[in-house]
């Protein structure tokens, strides 16, 4: 049942960096009348907090260590469809914004703009509306109307899972380590690596690693 809009809402923060959670919590307290009901650093603990505290809103980062905020958004949508979600991330919205909305997020705010936009974003999402930048809104409208522009980066052609594997490669993880962290088989990860190489026009595993490392360092 929807809580009365006049009451302070409960917000759960999910970010793998404690100092970021602390900063977000302070912003929420300063810019809104809502309450922080919990903090989590990974999807498993986030889901546990949701089960125990029934938050109205979950603020999620895209990167959660070896886990994916996109996967968490999808799982929240399946298990707790009544809980609204907002992404606050340093990840480029041009690459991740549409993915986050497709995964179930109701808004996307870049961390370097959080101080200015967090209050409005929270209020909009809690009111049942979307909150996205003008650029992301235009991209979403173009996709809906079939006028999507050509990808600005080859990485936009990667699936969510391929992009996650690509990021893990860039952080120096081996195929076996990636398989273990994502709870997938080595063969499956090898398949993702092959797909990524094909989509990015890379001939060898060495080129793949170099490209991934450069991308991680740049981002």
Protein backbone atom coordinates (compact mmCIF):
# COMPACT_ATOMS: atom_id res chain seq x y z
CA UNK A 1 0.00 0.00 0.00
CA UNK A 2 1.34 3.47 -0.95
CA UNK A 3 2.33 5.54 2.07
CA UNK A 4 0.90 9.02 2.44
CA UNK A 5 3.01 11.45 0.46
CA UNK A 6 3.28 13.83 3.45
CA UNK A 7 5.19 11.29 5.49
CA UNK A 8 8.98 11.00 5.29
CA UNK A 9 9.89 8.11 3.00
CA UNK A 10 12.48 5.43 3.72
CA UNK A 11 15.53 5.35 1.46
CA UNK A 12 18.12 2.58 1.13
CA UNK A 13 21.59 3.47 -0.19
CA UNK A 14 23.55 0.88 -2.20
CA UNK A 15 27.16 1.76 -3.05
CA UNK A 16 30.36 -0.20 -2.51
CA UNK A 17 32.27 2.85 -1.23
CA UNK A 18 31.47 3.81 2.41
CA UNK A 19 32.58 7.41 1.92
CA UNK A 20 30.19 7.77 -1.03
CA UNK A 21 27.31 6.35 1.01
CA UNK A 22 28.17 8.82 3.77
CA UNK A 23 28.11 11.70 1.31
CA UNK A 24 24.83 10.59 -0.24
CA UNK A 25 23.25 10.17 3.18
CA UNK A 26 24.27 13.70 4.10
CA UNK A 27 22.83 15.04 0.83
CA UNK A 28 19.54 13.24 1.44
CA UNK A 29 19.32 14.69 4.95
CA UNK A 30 20.15 18.21 3.77
CA UNK A 31 18.03 18.28 0.59
CA UNK A 32 14.97 16.24 1.59
CA UNK A 33 12.78 15.35 4.56
CA UNK A 34 13.22 11.64 3.99
CA UNK A 35 15.06 9.11 6.14
CA UNK A 36 17.90 6.71 5.41
CA UNK A 37 16.69 3.28 6.52
CA UNK A 38 19.88 1.39 5.68
CA UNK A 39 23.07 1.12 3.66
CA UNK A 40 24.45 -1.78 1.62
CA UNK A 41 27.62 -2.39 -0.37
CA UNK A 42 26.53 -5.31 -2.56
CA UNK A 43 23.37 -6.82 -4.08
CA UNK A 44 22.98 -9.60 -1.50
CA UNK A 45 23.02 -7.24 1.48
CA UNK A 46 20.85 -4.76 -0.42
CA UNK A 47 18.16 -7.38 -0.98
CA UNK A 48 18.36 -8.34 2.68
CA UNK A 49 17.87 -4.71 3.70
CA UNK A 50 14.86 -4.41 1.38
CA UNK A 51 13.26 -7.50 2.90
CA UNK A 52 13.81 -6.21 6.44
CA UNK A 53 13.02 -2.50 6.06
CA UNK A 54 10.63 -2.20 3.07
CA UNK A 55 12.13 1.04 1.72
CA UNK A 56 10.18 3.33 -0.57
CA UNK A 57 13.25 4.08 -2.68
CA UNK A 58 16.57 2.34 -3.33
CA UNK A 59 19.44 4.48 -4.61
CA UNK A 60 21.83 2.24 -6.55
CA UNK A 61 25.29 2.64 -8.07
CA UNK A 62 26.03 0.90 -11.37
CA UNK A 63 29.33 -0.60 -10.20
CA UNK A 64 29.20 -2.61 -6.98
CA UNK A 65 32.65 -4.18 -6.76
CA UNK A 66 32.52 -7.42 -8.72
CA UNK A 67 28.73 -7.16 -8.93
CA UNK A 68 26.48 -5.20 -11.25
CA UNK A 69 23.99 -2.57 -10.21
CA UNK A 70 22.06 -3.40 -13.38
CA UNK A 71 21.55 -6.97 -12.16
CA UNK A 72 20.36 -5.62 -8.80
CA UNK A 73 17.87 -3.30 -10.52
CA UNK A 74 16.44 -6.21 -12.49
CA UNK A 75 16.18 -8.39 -9.38
CA UNK A 76 14.49 -5.63 -7.40
CA UNK A 77 11.99 -5.21 -10.22
CA UNK A 78 11.10 -8.91 -10.08
CA UNK A 79 11.04 -9.41 -6.29
CA UNK A 80 9.92 -5.94 -5.14
CA UNK A 81 8.11 -4.20 -8.02
CA UNK A 82 6.58 -1.70 -5.61
CA UNK A 83 10.01 -0.36 -4.59
CA UNK A 84 11.21 2.55 -6.72
CA UNK A 85 14.84 2.77 -7.79
CA UNK A 86 17.15 5.66 -8.68
CA UNK A 87 20.67 5.32 -10.05
CA UNK A 88 23.35 7.69 -8.78
CA UNK A 89 26.62 6.79 -10.46
CA UNK A 90 29.87 8.15 -11.83
CA UNK A 91 29.40 5.89 -14.86
CA UNK A 92 28.73 7.78 -18.09
CA UNK A 93 24.99 8.06 -18.60
CA UNK A 94 25.57 7.94 -22.37
CA UNK A 95 26.67 4.31 -21.98
CA UNK A 96 24.70 3.24 -18.91
CA UNK A 97 21.65 5.52 -18.74
CA UNK A 98 19.43 3.61 -21.17
CA UNK A 99 20.60 0.31 -19.70
CA UNK A 100 19.63 1.45 -16.20
CA UNK A 101 16.17 2.60 -17.30
CA UNK A 102 15.64 -0.65 -19.21
CA UNK A 103 16.63 -2.55 -16.05
CA UNK A 104 13.92 -0.77 -14.07
CA UNK A 105 15.44 2.44 -12.69
CA UNK A 106 13.12 5.45 -12.59
CA UNK A 107 15.95 7.97 -12.81
CA UNK A 108 19.65 8.47 -13.44
CA UNK A 109 21.91 11.09 -11.84
CA UNK A 110 25.65 11.46 -12.34
CA UNK A 111 27.52 11.61 -9.02
CA UNK A 112 29.24 14.87 -9.93
CA UNK A 113 25.78 16.41 -10.29
CA UNK A 114 24.22 14.77 -7.22
CA UNK A 115 24.57 17.80 -4.95
CA UNK A 116 22.48 19.86 -7.37
CA UNK A 117 19.96 17.25 -8.50
CA UNK A 118 19.53 14.62 -5.76
CA UNK A 119 16.62 16.34 -4.00
CA UNK A 120 14.58 16.85 -7.17
CA UNK A 121 15.42 13.37 -8.43
CA UNK A 122 14.26 11.71 -5.22
CA UNK A 123 11.02 13.71 -5.11
CA UNK A 124 10.25 13.01 -8.78
CA UNK A 125 10.87 9.28 -8.52
CA UNK A 126 8.92 8.94 -5.28
CA UNK A 127 6.04 10.76 -6.97
CA UNK A 128 6.01 8.09 -9.66
CA UNK A 129 7.72 10.13 -12.35
CA UNK A 130 10.99 9.70 -14.23
CA UNK A 131 14.07 11.84 -13.61
CA UNK A 132 16.69 11.96 -16.35
CA UNK A 133 18.89 14.61 -17.92
CA UNK A 134 17.70 16.35 -21.09
CA UNK A 135 20.25 14.39 -23.12
CA UNK A 136 19.15 11.01 -21.75
CA UNK A 137 15.48 11.92 -22.14
CA UNK A 138 16.12 12.72 -25.80
CA UNK A 139 17.92 9.40 -26.33
CA UNK A 140 15.04 7.50 -24.75
CA UNK A 141 12.51 9.32 -26.93
CA UNK A 142 14.57 8.61 -30.04
CA UNK A 143 14.60 4.92 -29.20
CA UNK A 144 10.84 4.83 -28.57
CA UNK A 145 10.11 6.60 -31.85
CA UNK A 146 12.58 4.50 -33.82
CA UNK A 147 14.96 7.40 -34.44
CA UNK A 148 17.93 6.09 -32.45
CA UNK A 149 21.25 7.56 -33.49
CA UNK A 150 24.23 5.44 -34.44
CA UNK A 151 26.22 4.32 -31.35
CA UNK A 152 28.71 6.96 -30.23
CA UNK A 153 30.97 4.19 -28.94
CA UNK A 154 31.40 0.55 -29.99
CA UNK A 155 30.85 -0.33 -26.33
CA UNK A 156 27.18 0.60 -26.74
CA UNK A 157 26.82 -2.53 -28.89
CA UNK A 158 27.76 -4.78 -25.97
CA UNK A 159 25.06 -6.47 -23.92
CA UNK A 160 24.85 -5.69 -20.20
CA UNK A 161 26.67 -8.92 -19.34
CA UNK A 162 29.32 -8.40 -22.01
CA UNK A 163 29.97 -4.91 -20.68
CA UNK A 164 30.29 -6.30 -17.16
CA UNK A 165 32.79 -8.93 -18.33
CA UNK A 166 34.69 -6.25 -20.27
CA UNK A 167 34.96 -4.16 -17.11
CA UNK A 168 36.18 -7.14 -15.09
CA UNK A 169 38.85 -7.79 -17.73
CA UNK A 170 39.90 -4.16 -17.45
CA UNK A 171 40.33 -4.57 -13.70
CA UNK A 172 42.76 -7.43 -14.33
CA UNK A 173 40.51 -10.40 -13.55
CA UNK A 174 41.22 -13.69 -15.31
CA UNK A 175 38.55 -15.69 -17.10
CA UNK A 176 38.35 -18.11 -14.19
CA UNK A 177 38.09 -15.28 -11.65
CA UNK A 178 35.33 -13.59 -13.65
CA UNK A 179 33.44 -16.89 -13.89
CA UNK A 180 33.66 -17.36 -10.13
CA UNK A 181 32.56 -13.82 -9.29
CA UNK A 182 29.60 -13.94 -11.69
CA UNK A 183 28.68 -17.53 -10.78
CA UNK A 184 29.02 -18.61 -14.41
CA UNK A 185 31.06 -21.31 -16.12
CA UNK A 186 34.48 -20.62 -17.60
CA UNK A 187 33.09 -21.69 -20.98
CA UNK A 188 30.35 -19.07 -20.72
CA UNK A 189 32.87 -16.32 -19.96
CA UNK A 190 35.02 -17.47 -22.87
CA UNK A 191 31.94 -17.09 -25.06
CA UNK A 192 31.41 -13.55 -23.80
CA UNK A 193 35.06 -12.74 -24.48
CA UNK A 194 34.70 -14.00 -28.06
CA UNK A 195 31.56 -11.91 -28.57
CA UNK A 196 33.25 -8.81 -27.20
CA UNK A 197 36.27 -9.24 -29.48
CA UNK A 198 34.01 -9.62 -32.49
CA UNK A 199 31.88 -6.58 -31.66
CA UNK A 200 34.90 -4.39 -30.94
CA UNK A 201 36.89 -5.62 -33.92
CA UNK A 202 39.69 -7.10 -31.81
CA UNK A 203 41.79 -9.99 -33.11
CA UNK A 204 43.46 -11.34 -29.99
CA UNK A 205 42.97 -11.75 -26.27
CA UNK A 206 45.88 -9.38 -25.69
CA UNK A 207 44.14 -6.65 -27.66
CA UNK A 208 40.99 -7.27 -25.62
CA UNK A 209 42.86 -6.89 -22.33
CA UNK A 210 44.63 -3.74 -23.51
CA UNK A 211 41.38 -2.16 -24.69
CA UNK A 212 39.59 -3.04 -21.46
CA UNK A 213 42.39 -1.72 -19.25
CA UNK A 214 42.53 1.57 -21.15
CA UNK A 215 38.76 1.96 -20.85
CA UNK A 216 38.74 1.29 -17.11
CA UNK A 217 41.61 3.72 -16.55
CA UNK A 218 39.85 6.40 -18.59
CA UNK A 219 36.60 5.99 -16.71
